Amino acid sequence: PWHCPPLYSAPEKQKAMCYKLHGEWFRIREDLERVRALERNVGGSEVGGYVKPKGVHMPEIFRGFCKSGQARGYIPLQ
């Protein structure tokens, strides 16, 4: 799930399965990035924390990690 597939023309059953898989992956990824941000800030040596990504492609599924519905729209891990 390391890209942001444009599934507009896929059959409904395939779309539902893909969106469920991607939704779960990006939920886990968001958790990972939140933990990594906390670990970087242990001891207060670094200012900041988790910054929500700004991708606009289907944020209810991709949680801001996709700028567009294609491989180049994927926002890599921080």
C-alpha atoms as a PDB file:
ATOM      1  CA  PRO A   1       0.000   0.000   0.000  1.00  0.00           C
ATOM      2  CA  TRP A   2       2.903   2.394  -0.558  1.00  0.00           C
ATOM      3  CA  HIS A   3       1.146   4.406  -3.197  1.00  0.00           C
ATOM      4  CA  CYS A   4      -2.205   6.133  -3.567  1.00  0.00           C
ATOM      5  CA  PRO A   5      -4.192   4.161  -6.111  1.00  0.00           C
ATOM      6  CA  PRO A   6      -6.844   5.840  -8.232  1.00  0.00           C
ATOM      7  CA  LEU A   7      -9.552   3.191  -8.018  1.00  0.00           C
ATOM      8  CA  TYR A   8     -12.377   5.141  -9.606  1.00  0.00           C
ATOM      9  CA  SER A   9     -12.870   2.641 -12.446  1.00  0.00           C
ATOM     10  CA  ALA A  10     -12.338  -0.526 -10.360  1.00  0.00           C
ATOM     11  CA  PRO A  11     -15.282  -2.836  -9.560  1.00  0.00           C
ATOM     12  CA  GLU A  12     -17.099  -1.853  -6.350  1.00  0.00           C
ATOM     13  CA  LYS A  13     -16.024  -4.978  -4.426  1.00  0.00           C
ATOM     14  CA  GLN A  14     -12.357  -4.377  -5.300  1.00  0.00           C
ATOM     15  CA  LYS A  15     -12.650  -0.698  -4.357  1.00  0.00           C
ATOM     16  CA  ALA A  16     -14.143  -1.563  -0.983  1.00  0.00           C
ATOM     17  CA  MET A  17     -11.387  -4.075  -0.207  1.00  0.00           C
ATOM     18  CA  CYS A  18      -8.603  -1.739  -1.358  1.00  0.00           C
ATOM     19  CA  TYR A  19      -9.965   1.215   0.601  1.00  0.00           C
ATOM     20  CA  LYS A  20     -10.270  -0.942   3.720  1.00  0.00           C
ATOM     21  CA  LEU A  21      -6.685  -2.225   3.332  1.00  0.00           C
ATOM     22  CA  HIS A  22      -5.282   1.237   2.633  1.00  0.00           C
ATOM     23  CA  GLY A  23      -7.313   2.800   5.434  1.00  0.00           C
ATOM     24  CA  GLU A  24      -5.844   0.321   7.922  1.00  0.00           C
ATOM     25  CA  TRP A  25      -2.293   0.759   6.588  1.00  0.00           C
ATOM     26  CA  PHE A  26      -2.472   4.539   6.826  1.00  0.00           C
ATOM     27  CA  ARG A  27      -3.998   4.323  10.333  1.00  0.00           C
ATOM     28  CA  ILE A  28      -1.012   2.207  11.406  1.00  0.00           C
ATOM     29  CA  ARG A  29       1.381   4.544   9.624  1.00  0.00           C
ATOM     30  CA  GLU A  30      -0.103   7.570  11.391  1.00  0.00           C
ATOM     31  CA  ASP A  31       0.349   5.797  14.744  1.00  0.00           C
ATOM     32  CA  LEU A  32       3.957   4.979  13.842  1.00  0.00           C
ATOM     33  CA  GLU A  33       4.735   8.556  12.880  1.00  0.00           C
ATOM     34  CA  ARG A  34       3.153   9.849  16.099  1.00  0.00           C
ATOM     35  CA  VAL A  35       5.338   7.488  18.167  1.00  0.00           C
ATOM     36  CA  ARG A  36       8.453   8.412  16.209  1.00  0.00           C
ATOM     37  CA  ALA A  37       7.724  12.110  16.789  1.00  0.00           C
ATOM     38  CA  LEU A  38       7.400  11.453  20.537  1.00  0.00           C
ATOM     39  CA  GLU A  39      10.671   9.492  20.572  1.00  0.00           C
ATOM     40  CA  ARG A  40      12.479  12.332  18.799  1.00  0.00           C
ATOM     41  CA  ASN A  41      11.228  14.744  21.461  1.00  0.00           C
ATOM     42  CA  VAL A  42      12.264  12.700  24.527  1.00  0.00           C
ATOM     43  CA  GLY A  43      14.210  14.946  26.856  1.00  0.00           C
ATOM     44  CA  GLY A  44      13.004  18.074  25.121  1.00  0.00           C
ATOM     45  CA  SER A  45      16.067  18.195  22.880  1.00  0.00           C
ATOM     46  CA  GLU A  46      14.011  18.853  19.768  1.00  0.00           C
ATOM     47  CA  VAL A  47      11.179  21.281  19.326  1.00  0.00           C
ATOM     48  CA  GLY A  48       8.119  20.031  17.528  1.00  0.00           C
ATOM     49  CA  GLY A  49       6.199  16.815  17.476  1.00  0.00           C
ATOM     50  CA  TYR A  50       3.827  15.091  15.145  1.00  0.00           C
ATOM     51  CA  VAL A  51       2.841  17.251  12.206  1.00  0.00           C
ATOM     52  CA  LYS A  52      -0.253  16.093  10.361  1.00  0.00           C
ATOM     53  CA  PRO A  53       0.543  15.624   6.656  1.00  0.00           C
ATOM     54  CA  LYS A  54      -1.156  17.941   4.200  1.00  0.00           C
ATOM     55  CA  GLY A  55      -2.194  15.547   1.438  1.00  0.00           C
ATOM     56  CA  VAL A  56      -5.692  16.169   0.122  1.00  0.00           C
ATOM     57  CA  HIS A  57      -6.420  12.934  -1.775  1.00  0.00           C
ATOM     58  CA  MET A  58      -9.236  11.113   0.057  1.00  0.00           C
ATOM     59  CA  PRO A  59      -8.075  12.078   3.572  1.00  0.00           C
ATOM     60  CA  GLU A  60     -10.738   9.890   5.184  1.00  0.00           C
ATOM     61  CA  ILE A  61      -8.789   6.872   3.871  1.00  0.00           C
ATOM     62  CA  PHE A  62      -5.233   8.087   3.293  1.00  0.00           C
ATOM     63  CA  ARG A  63      -5.089  10.368   6.387  1.00  0.00           C
ATOM     64  CA  GLY A  64      -3.231  13.127   4.574  1.00  0.00           C
ATOM     65  CA  PHE A  65      -0.405  10.925   3.271  1.00  0.00           C
ATOM     66  CA  CYS A  66      -1.454  11.243  -0.390  1.00  0.00           C
ATOM     67  CA  LYS A  67      -1.363  14.398  -2.467  1.00  0.00           C
ATOM     68  CA  SER A  68      -3.001  12.739  -5.473  1.00  0.00           C
ATOM     69  CA  GLY A  69      -4.286   9.375  -6.645  1.00  0.00           C
ATOM     70  CA  GLN A  70      -1.099   8.003  -8.125  1.00  0.00           C
ATOM     71  CA  ALA A  71       2.313   6.701  -7.023  1.00  0.00           C
ATOM     72  CA  ARG A  72       3.930  10.147  -7.184  1.00  0.00           C
ATOM     73  CA  GLY A  73       1.203  11.497  -4.875  1.00  0.00           C
ATOM     74  CA  TYR A  74       2.429   9.366  -1.958  1.00  0.00           C
ATOM     75  CA  ILE A  75       4.057  11.321   0.895  1.00  0.00           C
ATOM     76  CA  PRO A  76       6.987   9.183   2.212  1.00  0.00           C
ATOM     77  CA  LEU A  77       7.641   8.342   5.864  1.00  0.00           C
ATOM     78  CA  GLN A  78       9.320  11.100   7.863  1.00  0.00           C
END
